[in-house]
């Protein structure tokens, strides 16, 4: 099933598959001298999403500062950007154009530029943990229950909230959750002990990283600022 990815205004203004073997050219022109590309600079950015059109594919990235980067590349033989891994999902049951490979959403890539400041290579940064899939979602709320803490997120493609459960009795938490999702205990009235959501990050975008059907890590999208007035 195709996994749709939430795209936020943050990126418009803003974790097991990797193919690390580079294929070699075995055609008749393999022995011809190759022209080395004069490289200018490199940018490390996180992969957000992709959209496939009739003659091109647009890849969206964002930097650690939240700056959006949009790259356009041709399809098939018209592609001119070298990629170390396939950035598009390869589900044979897709009913439409593919989107971004869910395992690579939120992963770091090095964008290599030539002397003309054009991106000519997109390389996956090695050593990262690659989850089964990653969904980008917006933080809505949190609530404490007798058995667990529940965190509520929403996406454009789910009519219901995505709920992440964290049991209270786990000696070692099974999910890596940012500490700032919950309000500061020092801000609670004296007669209250149950923590609720941190109002400073309600509406923030987060990467929900899955192993199978279970969320294993929640990562805030870089570059976001605390809500004003809180």
Protein backbone atom coordinates (compact mmCIF):
# COMPACT_ATOMS: atom_id res chain seq x y z
CA UNK A 1 0.00 0.00 0.00
CA UNK A 2 1.32 3.42 -0.83
CA UNK A 3 2.26 5.49 2.16
CA UNK A 4 1.45 9.16 1.70
CA UNK A 5 3.72 11.69 3.30
CA UNK A 6 2.54 14.82 5.02
CA UNK A 7 4.02 18.00 3.56
CA UNK A 8 4.04 21.02 5.83
CA UNK A 9 4.06 24.73 5.09
CA UNK A 10 7.28 24.74 7.08
CA UNK A 11 9.01 23.02 4.20
CA UNK A 12 7.29 24.94 1.48
CA UNK A 13 8.48 28.29 2.88
CA UNK A 14 9.92 22.25 5.89
CA UNK A 15 14.03 6.39 9.38
CA UNK A 16 15.25 -1.49 5.76
CA UNK A 17 16.42 -0.65 2.60
CA UNK A 18 19.55 0.88 1.20
CA UNK A 19 21.34 0.11 -2.02
CA UNK A 20 24.96 0.72 -1.30
CA UNK A 21 26.42 -1.09 -4.31
CA UNK A 22 27.13 1.22 -7.21
CA UNK A 23 26.44 -0.46 -10.53
CA UNK A 24 29.12 -0.23 -13.20
CA UNK A 25 28.58 0.56 -16.87
CA UNK A 26 29.18 -2.57 -18.99
CA UNK A 27 28.09 -1.11 -22.31
CA UNK A 28 30.27 -0.66 -25.41
CA UNK A 29 31.27 2.78 -24.17
CA UNK A 30 32.51 1.54 -20.80
CA UNK A 31 36.15 2.01 -21.82
CA UNK A 32 35.63 5.55 -23.10
CA UNK A 33 37.24 8.28 -21.00
CA UNK A 34 34.83 9.84 -18.55
CA UNK A 35 34.71 13.52 -17.80
CA UNK A 36 35.08 14.26 -14.11
CA UNK A 37 32.51 16.64 -12.70
CA UNK A 38 34.04 19.65 -11.06
CA UNK A 39 32.46 19.64 -7.62
CA UNK A 40 31.69 22.79 -5.76
CA UNK A 41 30.14 22.26 -2.35
CA UNK A 42 28.15 19.72 -0.37
CA UNK A 43 25.00 20.14 1.70
CA UNK A 44 23.69 17.67 4.27
CA UNK A 45 19.91 17.60 4.21
CA UNK A 46 17.04 15.37 5.34
CA UNK A 47 14.74 13.72 2.79
CA UNK A 48 11.13 14.85 3.02
CA UNK A 49 9.06 13.72 0.02
CA UNK A 50 8.90 13.20 -3.74
CA UNK A 51 6.36 13.85 -6.49
CA UNK A 52 6.51 12.13 -9.89
CA UNK A 53 5.17 13.93 -12.94
CA UNK A 54 5.05 13.01 -16.62
CA UNK A 55 8.53 14.25 -17.49
CA UNK A 56 10.24 14.87 -14.17
CA UNK A 57 10.41 14.01 -10.48
CA UNK A 58 10.70 16.59 -7.74
CA UNK A 59 12.54 15.65 -4.55
CA UNK A 60 12.10 17.70 -1.39
CA UNK A 61 14.76 17.98 1.32
CA UNK A 62 15.25 20.23 4.31
CA UNK A 63 18.37 21.26 6.16
CA UNK A 64 19.03 21.04 9.90
CA UNK A 65 17.95 24.67 10.06
CA UNK A 66 14.61 23.86 8.42
CA UNK A 67 15.46 25.38 5.04
CA UNK A 68 13.55 23.69 2.21
CA UNK A 69 15.43 22.36 -0.84
CA UNK A 70 13.52 21.34 -3.99
CA UNK A 71 15.38 19.33 -6.65
CA UNK A 72 13.95 18.53 -10.06
CA UNK A 73 15.29 15.59 -12.11
CA UNK A 74 14.23 13.93 -15.31
CA UNK A 75 12.66 10.46 -15.37
CA UNK A 76 14.31 7.33 -16.76
CA UNK A 77 17.04 8.05 -19.29
CA UNK A 78 16.50 11.78 -18.80
CA UNK A 79 17.68 11.66 -15.19
CA UNK A 80 20.87 13.64 -14.66
CA UNK A 81 21.37 13.45 -10.87
CA UNK A 82 23.35 10.45 -9.60
CA UNK A 83 21.69 8.75 -6.60
CA UNK A 84 23.30 6.24 -4.26
CA UNK A 85 19.91 4.69 -3.42
CA UNK A 86 16.48 4.61 -5.01
CA UNK A 87 14.56 7.52 -3.51
CA UNK A 88 11.15 6.33 -4.75
CA UNK A 89 8.94 3.59 -3.33
CA UNK A 90 8.88 0.39 -5.39
CA UNK A 91 5.55 -1.15 -4.36
CA UNK A 92 4.25 -3.24 -7.29
CA UNK A 93 0.68 -2.69 -6.10
CA UNK A 94 0.79 1.07 -6.52
CA UNK A 95 -2.22 2.45 -8.39
CA UNK A 96 -0.53 5.72 -9.27
CA UNK A 97 2.89 7.34 -9.44
CA UNK A 98 5.29 6.38 -6.62
CA UNK A 99 6.08 8.67 -3.76
CA UNK A 100 9.14 8.88 -1.56
CA UNK A 101 10.59 5.59 -0.27
CA UNK A 102 9.09 5.44 3.27
CA UNK A 103 12.25 3.95 4.77
CA UNK A 104 14.27 6.97 3.73
CA UNK A 105 12.02 9.76 4.96
CA UNK A 106 13.94 11.86 7.47
CA UNK A 107 17.29 10.27 6.59
CA UNK A 108 20.37 12.41 6.01
CA UNK A 109 21.70 12.78 2.47
CA UNK A 110 24.68 14.62 1.08
CA UNK A 111 23.73 16.84 -1.85
CA UNK A 112 26.83 17.33 -4.02
CA UNK A 113 26.98 20.41 -6.22
CA UNK A 114 29.11 21.08 -9.30
CA UNK A 115 30.99 24.27 -10.09
CA UNK A 116 27.76 25.79 -11.41
CA UNK A 117 26.01 25.24 -8.07
CA UNK A 118 23.76 22.52 -9.55
CA UNK A 119 23.17 19.34 -7.54
CA UNK A 120 24.70 16.40 -9.40
CA UNK A 121 24.73 13.70 -6.70
CA UNK A 122 22.39 12.63 -3.87
CA UNK A 123 24.17 10.25 -1.49
CA UNK A 124 22.73 8.56 1.60
CA UNK A 125 24.86 9.28 4.66
CA UNK A 126 26.16 5.93 5.94
CA UNK A 127 25.69 4.62 9.47
CA UNK A 128 22.09 5.73 9.96
CA UNK A 129 19.41 3.45 11.33
CA UNK A 130 16.90 2.70 8.59
CA UNK A 131 13.42 1.95 9.88
CA UNK A 132 10.71 0.02 8.03
CA UNK A 133 8.84 3.23 7.34
CA UNK A 134 8.63 6.82 8.52
CA UNK A 135 5.54 9.01 8.62
CA UNK A 136 5.58 12.75 9.07
CA UNK A 137 2.82 13.90 11.39
CA UNK A 138 1.70 16.87 13.44
CA UNK A 139 1.66 16.76 17.23
CA UNK A 140 -1.79 17.42 18.68
CA UNK A 141 -2.01 16.39 22.33
CA UNK A 142 -0.97 14.01 25.11
CA UNK A 143 -2.87 12.40 27.98
CA UNK A 144 -1.91 10.27 30.97
CA UNK A 145 -3.92 7.13 31.73
CA UNK A 146 -3.50 4.53 34.51
CA UNK A 147 -1.64 2.10 32.23
CA UNK A 148 0.16 4.36 29.79
CA UNK A 149 0.92 7.77 28.38
CA UNK A 150 -0.72 8.49 25.05
CA UNK A 151 0.56 10.91 22.42
CA UNK A 152 -1.75 12.07 19.64
CA UNK A 153 -0.65 13.02 16.13
CA UNK A 154 -2.50 13.72 12.91
CA UNK A 155 -1.71 13.60 9.19
CA UNK A 156 -3.43 14.79 6.04
CA UNK A 157 -4.23 11.25 4.96
CA UNK A 158 -5.63 9.81 8.23
CA UNK A 159 -9.14 10.75 9.31
CA UNK A 160 -8.35 9.54 12.82
CA UNK A 161 -5.50 10.47 15.12
CA UNK A 162 -2.32 8.43 15.19
CA UNK A 163 -1.87 7.40 18.82
CA UNK A 164 1.48 6.39 20.29
CA UNK A 165 1.29 4.45 23.56
CA UNK A 166 4.08 4.42 26.13
CA UNK A 167 3.41 2.10 29.13
CA UNK A 168 4.20 3.50 32.56
CA UNK A 169 5.70 0.23 33.87
CA UNK A 170 8.53 -0.10 31.31
CA UNK A 171 11.93 0.02 33.03
CA UNK A 172 13.51 0.71 29.65
CA UNK A 173 11.15 2.69 27.39
CA UNK A 174 10.44 0.88 24.13
CA UNK A 175 10.04 4.16 22.27
CA UNK A 176 12.46 7.07 22.02
CA UNK A 177 10.28 10.11 22.66
CA UNK A 178 11.48 13.74 22.87
CA UNK A 179 11.33 15.06 26.42
CA UNK A 180 9.70 18.31 25.36
CA UNK A 181 6.44 16.68 24.21
CA UNK A 182 5.18 17.05 27.78
CA UNK A 183 4.77 20.17 29.85
CA UNK A 184 7.29 21.03 32.54
CA UNK A 185 6.29 19.52 35.94
CA UNK A 186 7.33 22.81 37.53
CA UNK A 187 4.50 24.52 35.65
CA UNK A 188 1.78 22.31 37.16
CA UNK A 189 -0.49 23.63 39.92
CA UNK A 190 0.29 22.19 43.35
CA UNK A 191 -2.77 19.91 43.30
CA UNK A 192 -1.99 18.37 39.89
CA UNK A 193 0.49 15.59 39.09
CA UNK A 194 -0.55 14.41 35.61
CA UNK A 195 1.43 15.92 32.78
CA UNK A 196 -0.26 17.10 29.62
CA UNK A 197 1.13 18.24 26.25
CA UNK A 198 3.74 20.96 26.08
CA UNK A 199 1.89 23.92 24.51
CA UNK A 200 5.16 25.18 23.06
CA UNK A 201 5.32 22.28 20.55
CA UNK A 202 1.66 21.61 19.76
CA UNK A 203 1.38 21.71 15.97
CA UNK A 204 5.05 20.80 15.44
CA UNK A 205 5.93 18.28 12.74
CA UNK A 206 7.54 15.00 13.87
CA UNK A 207 8.92 11.91 12.14
CA UNK A 208 7.24 8.74 13.46
CA UNK A 209 9.67 5.86 12.84
CA UNK A 210 8.19 2.37 12.57
CA UNK A 211 9.51 -1.16 12.93
CA UNK A 212 6.67 -3.27 11.59
CA UNK A 213 3.49 -1.70 12.93
CA UNK A 214 5.10 -0.24 16.06
CA UNK A 215 6.52 3.23 16.50
CA UNK A 216 10.08 3.01 17.84
CA UNK A 217 11.27 6.60 17.69
CA UNK A 218 9.78 10.08 17.38
CA UNK A 219 12.04 12.76 15.94
CA UNK A 220 11.20 16.47 15.69
CA UNK A 221 11.61 18.01 12.27
CA UNK A 222 14.56 20.45 12.42
CA UNK A 223 14.20 24.20 12.26
CA UNK A 224 10.93 24.62 14.17
CA UNK A 225 10.47 27.33 16.78
CA UNK A 226 8.56 27.19 20.03
CA UNK A 227 5.02 28.55 19.86
CA UNK A 228 4.88 32.17 20.94
CA UNK A 229 3.14 33.23 24.10
CA UNK A 230 3.84 29.96 26.00
